[in-house]
Amino acid sequence: MLAPLIVQATFIAASAVLIEASLSFLGVGIPAQTPTWGNIMAEGRNFVAVAFHIILYPGILLATTVLAINLLGDGLRDALDPRLSRQL
């Protein structure tokens, strides 16, 4: 029962990161003076024609973080689920 809970917890954590970044980007999340990926990308909207990397790099790091959290959950599920080790 632990393996599905770990996968669910990591999925919720990844979703929370995305929701926070989305709300911060829209301006309804964490205050603007706090540096988050969503706030950085929101402030970079004004400079996208001149310096697109202000939005590109935080977006790549956000996607990488969410992917890493999901892969961590899948790896822990594979390591902790005894049914999967019998199938190999």
N, C-alpha and C. Protein backbone atom coordinates (compact mmCIF):
# COMPACT_ATOMS: atom_id res chain seq x y z
N MET A 1 0.81 -1.18 0.00
CA MET A 1 0.00 0.00 0.00
C MET A 1 0.87 1.26 0.00
N LEU A 2 2.12 1.15 0.38
CA LEU A 2 3.00 2.31 0.46
C LEU A 2 3.38 2.83 -0.91
N ALA A 3 3.59 1.94 -1.87
CA ALA A 3 4.03 2.37 -3.20
C ALA A 3 3.02 3.28 -3.89
N PRO A 4 1.73 2.95 -3.93
CA PRO A 4 0.78 3.87 -4.56
C PRO A 4 0.66 5.21 -3.83
N LEU A 5 0.81 5.20 -2.52
CA LEU A 5 0.76 6.45 -1.77
C LEU A 5 1.95 7.35 -2.11
N ILE A 6 3.11 6.76 -2.29
CA ILE A 6 4.29 7.54 -2.66
C ILE A 6 4.11 8.14 -4.05
N VAL A 7 3.61 7.37 -4.98
CA VAL A 7 3.37 7.89 -6.33
C VAL A 7 2.35 9.03 -6.27
N GLN A 8 1.29 8.86 -5.51
CA GLN A 8 0.27 9.91 -5.38
C GLN A 8 0.86 11.15 -4.72
N ALA A 9 1.68 10.98 -3.70
CA ALA A 9 2.28 12.13 -3.01
C ALA A 9 3.21 12.90 -3.94
N THR A 10 4.00 12.20 -4.73
CA THR A 10 4.90 12.90 -5.65
C THR A 10 4.11 13.57 -6.77
N PHE A 11 3.01 12.97 -7.20
CA PHE A 11 2.17 13.60 -8.21
C PHE A 11 1.55 14.88 -7.66
N ILE A 12 1.11 14.85 -6.42
CA ILE A 12 0.53 16.03 -5.79
C ILE A 12 1.59 17.10 -5.61
N ALA A 13 2.81 16.71 -5.24
CA ALA A 13 3.89 17.68 -5.07
C ALA A 13 4.23 18.36 -6.39
N ALA A 14 4.29 17.59 -7.46
CA ALA A 14 4.57 18.16 -8.78
C ALA A 14 3.43 19.08 -9.21
N SER A 15 2.22 18.69 -8.94
CA SER A 15 1.08 19.54 -9.27
C SER A 15 1.10 20.83 -8.47
N ALA A 16 1.50 20.75 -7.21
CA ALA A 16 1.58 21.95 -6.37
C ALA A 16 2.62 22.93 -6.91
N VAL A 17 3.74 22.42 -7.39
CA VAL A 17 4.77 23.28 -7.97
C VAL A 17 4.22 23.99 -9.20
N LEU A 18 3.53 23.24 -10.06
CA LEU A 18 2.95 23.84 -11.26
C LEU A 18 1.85 24.85 -10.95
N ILE A 19 1.02 24.54 -9.99
CA ILE A 19 -0.06 25.46 -9.62
C ILE A 19 0.50 26.74 -9.02
N GLU A 20 1.52 26.62 -8.18
CA GLU A 20 2.13 27.81 -7.59
C GLU A 20 2.75 28.68 -8.67
N ALA A 21 3.46 28.07 -9.61
CA ALA A 21 4.08 28.84 -10.69
C ALA A 21 3.01 29.50 -11.56
N SER A 22 1.94 28.79 -11.83
CA SER A 22 0.86 29.35 -12.65
C SER A 22 0.20 30.54 -11.97
N LEU A 23 -0.11 30.38 -10.69
CA LEU A 23 -0.76 31.48 -9.96
C LEU A 23 0.18 32.67 -9.81
N SER A 24 1.46 32.41 -9.58
CA SER A 24 2.42 33.51 -9.48
C SER A 24 2.57 34.22 -10.82
N PHE A 25 2.55 33.46 -11.90
CA PHE A 25 2.64 34.06 -13.23
C PHE A 25 1.45 34.97 -13.50
N LEU A 26 0.28 34.56 -13.05
CA LEU A 26 -0.92 35.36 -13.25
C LEU A 26 -1.04 36.52 -12.27
N GLY A 27 -0.21 36.52 -11.23
CA GLY A 27 -0.21 37.61 -10.28
C GLY A 27 -1.11 37.41 -9.09
N VAL A 28 -1.64 36.22 -8.89
CA VAL A 28 -2.52 35.97 -7.76
C VAL A 28 -1.91 34.99 -6.76
N GLY A 29 -0.66 34.67 -6.93
CA GLY A 29 0.01 33.72 -6.03
C GLY A 29 0.82 34.44 -4.98
N ILE A 30 2.05 34.01 -4.85
CA ILE A 30 2.99 34.59 -3.90
C ILE A 30 3.27 36.04 -4.31
N PRO A 31 3.49 36.95 -3.35
CA PRO A 31 3.73 38.36 -3.69
C PRO A 31 4.87 38.53 -4.70
N ALA A 32 4.78 39.60 -5.48
CA ALA A 32 5.69 39.81 -6.60
C ALA A 32 7.14 39.99 -6.19
N GLN A 33 7.41 40.46 -4.98
CA GLN A 33 8.80 40.66 -4.58
C GLN A 33 9.49 39.36 -4.19
N THR A 34 8.76 38.27 -4.05
CA THR A 34 9.35 36.96 -3.75
C THR A 34 9.75 36.28 -5.05
N PRO A 35 11.02 35.88 -5.17
CA PRO A 35 11.45 35.27 -6.44
C PRO A 35 10.99 33.82 -6.57
N THR A 36 10.02 33.60 -7.41
CA THR A 36 9.58 32.25 -7.77
C THR A 36 9.65 32.14 -9.29
N TRP A 37 9.55 30.93 -9.80
CA TRP A 37 9.64 30.77 -11.25
C TRP A 37 8.50 31.48 -11.95
N GLY A 38 7.33 31.44 -11.38
CA GLY A 38 6.19 32.13 -11.98
C GLY A 38 6.37 33.64 -11.97
N ASN A 39 6.88 34.19 -10.86
CA ASN A 39 7.11 35.63 -10.79
C ASN A 39 8.21 36.07 -11.74
N ILE A 40 9.25 35.28 -11.85
CA ILE A 40 10.34 35.61 -12.77
C ILE A 40 9.84 35.64 -14.21
N MET A 41 9.04 34.64 -14.57
CA MET A 41 8.52 34.61 -15.93
C MET A 41 7.51 35.74 -16.17
N ALA A 42 6.73 36.10 -15.14
CA ALA A 42 5.77 37.19 -15.30
C ALA A 42 6.49 38.52 -15.51
N GLU A 43 7.57 38.74 -14.77
CA GLU A 43 8.32 39.98 -14.96
C GLU A 43 9.07 39.98 -16.28
N GLY A 44 9.42 38.82 -16.79
CA GLY A 44 10.13 38.73 -18.06
C GLY A 44 9.24 38.90 -19.28
N ARG A 45 7.92 38.89 -19.08
CA ARG A 45 7.00 39.09 -20.23
C ARG A 45 7.26 40.40 -20.95
N ASN A 46 7.63 41.43 -20.21
CA ASN A 46 7.86 42.74 -20.82
C ASN A 46 9.10 42.76 -21.70
N PHE A 47 10.02 41.84 -21.46
CA PHE A 47 11.30 41.85 -22.17
C PHE A 47 11.47 40.66 -23.10
N VAL A 48 10.41 39.96 -23.43
CA VAL A 48 10.51 38.74 -24.22
C VAL A 48 11.08 39.00 -25.62
N ALA A 49 10.81 40.15 -26.20
CA ALA A 49 11.33 40.46 -27.54
C ALA A 49 12.82 40.75 -27.50
N VAL A 50 13.31 41.27 -26.39
CA VAL A 50 14.71 41.63 -26.28
C VAL A 50 15.55 40.50 -25.68
N ALA A 51 15.04 39.88 -24.61
CA ALA A 51 15.79 38.85 -23.90
C ALA A 51 14.85 37.70 -23.55
N PHE A 52 14.63 36.82 -24.51
CA PHE A 52 13.69 35.71 -24.29
C PHE A 52 14.17 34.73 -23.24
N HIS A 53 15.48 34.74 -22.95
CA HIS A 53 16.00 33.78 -21.97
C HIS A 53 15.49 34.05 -20.56
N ILE A 54 14.96 35.24 -20.31
CA ILE A 54 14.39 35.54 -18.98
C ILE A 54 13.18 34.65 -18.72
N ILE A 55 12.48 34.25 -19.75
CA ILE A 55 11.35 33.34 -19.60
C ILE A 55 11.77 31.90 -19.89
N LEU A 56 12.69 31.71 -20.80
CA LEU A 56 13.08 30.37 -21.24
C LEU A 56 13.70 29.54 -20.12
N TYR A 57 14.70 30.08 -19.45
CA TYR A 57 15.41 29.29 -18.44
C TYR A 57 14.56 28.93 -17.22
N PRO A 58 13.78 29.85 -16.65
CA PRO A 58 12.89 29.42 -15.57
C PRO A 58 11.86 28.38 -16.02
N GLY A 59 11.38 28.50 -17.26
CA GLY A 59 10.43 27.52 -17.77
C GLY A 59 11.05 26.14 -17.90
N ILE A 60 12.29 26.09 -18.40
CA ILE A 60 12.99 24.81 -18.52
C ILE A 60 13.25 24.22 -17.14
N LEU A 61 13.67 25.05 -16.19
CA LEU A 61 13.92 24.54 -14.84
C LEU A 61 12.64 24.09 -14.15
N LEU A 62 11.56 24.77 -14.40
CA LEU A 62 10.27 24.36 -13.84
C LEU A 62 9.86 23.00 -14.39
N ALA A 63 9.96 22.83 -15.69
CA ALA A 63 9.62 21.54 -16.31
C ALA A 63 10.54 20.43 -15.83
N THR A 64 11.82 20.74 -15.68
CA THR A 64 12.78 19.73 -15.21
C THR A 64 12.48 19.33 -13.77
N THR A 65 12.11 20.29 -12.94
CA THR A 65 11.78 19.98 -11.55
C THR A 65 10.55 19.09 -11.45
N VAL A 66 9.53 19.40 -12.21
CA VAL A 66 8.31 18.59 -12.19
C VAL A 66 8.60 17.19 -12.72
N LEU A 67 9.39 17.09 -13.77
CA LEU A 67 9.76 15.78 -14.30
C LEU A 67 10.58 14.99 -13.28
N ALA A 68 11.51 15.65 -12.60
CA ALA A 68 12.33 14.97 -11.61
C ALA A 68 11.49 14.46 -10.44
N ILE A 69 10.52 15.24 -10.00
CA ILE A 69 9.65 14.79 -8.91
C ILE A 69 8.85 13.56 -9.34
N ASN A 70 8.31 13.59 -10.55
CA ASN A 70 7.55 12.44 -11.03
C ASN A 70 8.43 11.21 -11.22
N LEU A 71 9.64 11.39 -11.74
CA LEU A 71 10.54 10.24 -11.91
C LEU A 71 11.00 9.70 -10.56
N LEU A 72 11.17 10.56 -9.57
CA LEU A 72 11.50 10.11 -8.23
C LEU A 72 10.38 9.23 -7.67
N GLY A 73 9.15 9.66 -7.86
CA GLY A 73 8.01 8.85 -7.39
C GLY A 73 7.94 7.51 -8.09
N ASP A 74 8.17 7.48 -9.40
CA ASP A 74 8.16 6.21 -10.13
C ASP A 74 9.30 5.31 -9.69
N GLY A 75 10.46 5.90 -9.46
CA GLY A 75 11.60 5.10 -8.99
C GLY A 75 11.37 4.52 -7.62
N LEU A 76 10.80 5.31 -6.72
CA LEU A 76 10.49 4.79 -5.38
C LEU A 76 9.42 3.70 -5.45
N ARG A 77 8.45 3.86 -6.33
CA ARG A 77 7.43 2.82 -6.49
C ARG A 77 8.07 1.54 -6.98
N ASP A 78 8.96 1.63 -7.95
CA ASP A 78 9.63 0.44 -8.46
C ASP A 78 10.47 -0.23 -7.39
N ALA A 79 11.11 0.57 -6.56
CA ALA A 79 11.97 0.01 -5.51
C ALA A 79 11.18 -0.58 -4.36
N LEU A 80 10.01 -0.02 -4.05
CA LEU A 80 9.27 -0.45 -2.88
C LEU A 80 8.16 -1.44 -3.16
N ASP A 81 7.76 -1.61 -4.40
CA ASP A 81 6.66 -2.51 -4.70
C ASP A 81 7.18 -3.93 -4.87
N PRO A 82 6.83 -4.84 -3.98
CA PRO A 82 7.36 -6.21 -4.06
C PRO A 82 6.79 -6.98 -5.25
N ARG A 83 5.63 -6.61 -5.74
CA ARG A 83 5.05 -7.32 -6.89
C ARG A 83 5.86 -7.08 -8.15
N LEU A 84 6.45 -5.90 -8.28
CA LEU A 84 7.24 -5.60 -9.47
C LEU A 84 8.55 -6.39 -9.49
N SER A 85 9.14 -6.65 -8.34
CA SER A 85 10.40 -7.40 -8.31
C SER A 85 10.18 -8.86 -8.67
N ARG A 86 9.00 -9.41 -8.41
CA ARG A 86 8.70 -10.80 -8.78
C ARG A 86 8.46 -10.97 -10.27
N GLN A 87 8.05 -9.90 -10.95
CA GLN A 87 7.76 -10.01 -12.37
C GLN A 87 9.02 -10.05 -13.22
N LEU A 88 10.12 -9.57 -12.70
CA LEU A 88 11.36 -9.56 -13.47
C LEU A 88 11.91 -10.92 -13.51
